[in-house]
């Protein structure tokens, strides 16, 4: 999490870290965030549940999904849209930064990430 934060900050992004999906959903930052980067495997609420919750409250918010288990990508199909991008671990940091830049370009012109 910290290395991902460092990578994003090295590209001048404003980053907010949340230790769980529920922490993000319960924060006041959800209304301000322009892009979410989430792992699929998390304690409590998993990434798929988080994506569904975000889609229900902030439809169209770009979400970048990271997973070490590519087989779960089949579960993404029903909720996958143009705003959702998927990376499998290990991933290329430069490619992630490009995906973030594209997501921000395609959404509101703010620069806050979760």
Protein backbone atom coordinates (compact mmCIF):
# COMPACT_ATOMS: atom_id res chain seq x y z
CA UNK A 1 0.00 0.00 0.00
CA UNK A 2 2.77 2.40 0.92
CA UNK A 3 4.78 1.61 -2.23
CA UNK A 4 1.68 2.21 -4.36
CA UNK A 5 1.19 5.53 -2.60
CA UNK A 6 4.81 6.48 -3.31
CA UNK A 7 4.45 5.55 -6.96
CA UNK A 8 1.33 7.68 -7.37
CA UNK A 9 2.78 10.61 -5.47
CA UNK A 10 5.89 10.46 -7.67
CA UNK A 11 3.54 11.34 -10.54
CA UNK A 12 2.13 14.29 -8.52
CA UNK A 13 -1.17 12.62 -7.59
CA UNK A 14 -2.92 13.48 -4.32
CA UNK A 15 -3.39 10.11 -2.61
CA UNK A 16 -5.65 8.98 0.24
CA UNK A 17 -5.10 5.53 1.75
CA UNK A 18 -7.87 3.45 3.26
CA UNK A 19 -7.15 0.22 5.11
CA UNK A 20 -10.46 -1.32 4.03
CA UNK A 21 -13.30 -0.86 1.59
CA UNK A 22 -15.66 0.02 4.41
CA UNK A 23 -13.27 2.74 5.62
CA UNK A 24 -13.47 4.36 2.17
CA UNK A 25 -17.25 4.09 1.99
CA UNK A 26 -17.64 5.58 5.47
CA UNK A 27 -15.24 8.46 4.81
CA UNK A 28 -16.11 11.94 3.70
CA UNK A 29 -13.63 11.54 0.84
CA UNK A 30 -15.76 9.28 -1.35
CA UNK A 31 -17.55 12.30 -2.83
CA UNK A 32 -14.20 13.94 -3.74
CA UNK A 33 -12.25 11.00 -5.15
CA UNK A 34 -11.68 10.88 -8.90
CA UNK A 35 -10.25 7.37 -9.18
CA UNK A 36 -10.16 4.32 -6.91
CA UNK A 37 -7.45 1.69 -6.95
CA UNK A 38 -8.49 -1.44 -5.09
CA UNK A 39 -7.21 -4.92 -4.56
CA UNK A 40 -9.74 -7.72 -4.96
CA UNK A 41 -8.56 -9.63 -1.90
CA UNK A 42 -9.14 -7.55 1.21
CA UNK A 43 -10.30 -8.42 4.71
CA UNK A 44 -13.97 -7.80 5.41
CA UNK A 45 -15.48 -6.29 2.28
CA UNK A 46 -13.68 -7.68 -0.77
CA UNK A 47 -12.87 -5.66 -3.87
CA UNK A 48 -15.86 -6.94 -5.84
CA UNK A 49 -18.22 -5.84 -3.07
CA UNK A 50 -16.48 -2.48 -2.91
CA UNK A 51 -16.86 -1.97 -6.66
CA UNK A 52 -20.58 -2.73 -6.45
CA UNK A 53 -21.00 -0.29 -3.54
CA UNK A 54 -19.08 2.45 -5.35
CA UNK A 55 -21.02 1.87 -8.57
CA UNK A 56 -24.26 2.25 -6.58
CA UNK A 57 -23.22 5.56 -5.00
CA UNK A 58 -20.83 7.05 -7.59
CA UNK A 59 -21.68 5.51 -10.97
CA UNK A 60 -18.97 6.20 -13.52
CA UNK A 61 -16.21 6.71 -10.96
CA UNK A 62 -13.10 5.11 -12.50
CA UNK A 63 -11.94 2.05 -10.61
CA UNK A 64 -8.64 0.29 -11.16
CA UNK A 65 -8.65 -3.26 -9.83
CA UNK A 66 -5.53 -5.15 -8.81
CA UNK A 67 -5.55 -8.89 -8.20
CA UNK A 68 -3.09 -11.67 -7.59
CA UNK A 69 -5.77 -14.18 -8.55
CA UNK A 70 -6.67 -13.72 -12.22
CA UNK A 71 -9.39 -16.36 -11.97
CA UNK A 72 -11.59 -13.88 -10.08
CA UNK A 73 -11.68 -11.70 -13.19
CA UNK A 74 -14.58 -13.83 -14.43
CA UNK A 75 -16.58 -12.47 -11.49
CA UNK A 76 -15.91 -8.93 -12.70
CA UNK A 77 -17.77 -9.44 -15.96
CA UNK A 78 -21.26 -8.50 -14.67
CA UNK A 79 -20.02 -5.20 -13.24
CA UNK A 80 -17.16 -4.47 -15.58
CA UNK A 81 -17.44 -1.28 -17.58
CA UNK A 82 -15.23 1.07 -19.50
CA UNK A 83 -14.38 2.89 -16.29
CA UNK A 84 -12.95 -0.26 -14.65
CA UNK A 85 -9.41 -1.32 -15.49
CA UNK A 86 -7.80 -4.54 -14.24
CA UNK A 87 -4.16 -5.31 -13.39
CA UNK A 88 -2.81 -8.67 -12.30
CA UNK A 89 0.10 -8.92 -9.87
CA UNK A 90 2.87 -8.34 -10.44
CA UNK A 91 2.05 -5.27 -12.50
CA UNK A 92 4.09 -2.65 -14.29
CA UNK A 93 4.11 0.63 -12.34
CA UNK A 94 4.43 2.70 -15.49
CA UNK A 95 1.38 0.98 -17.00
CA UNK A 96 -0.57 1.68 -13.81
CA UNK A 97 0.37 5.37 -13.96
CA UNK A 98 -0.83 5.48 -17.57
CA UNK A 99 -4.12 3.85 -16.56
CA UNK A 100 -4.56 6.38 -13.75
CA UNK A 101 -3.83 9.29 -16.11
CA UNK A 102 -6.34 7.91 -18.61
CA UNK A 103 -8.95 7.39 -15.90
CA UNK A 104 -8.53 10.94 -14.65
CA UNK A 105 -8.64 12.33 -18.16
CA UNK A 106 -11.88 10.45 -18.82
CA UNK A 107 -13.52 11.59 -15.56
CA UNK A 108 -13.70 14.85 -13.66
CA UNK A 109 -10.53 16.95 -13.86
CA UNK A 110 -9.58 16.52 -10.18
CA UNK A 111 -6.60 14.48 -8.97
CA UNK A 112 -7.53 12.72 -5.74
CA UNK A 113 -6.97 8.95 -5.57
CA UNK A 114 -7.98 6.32 -3.03
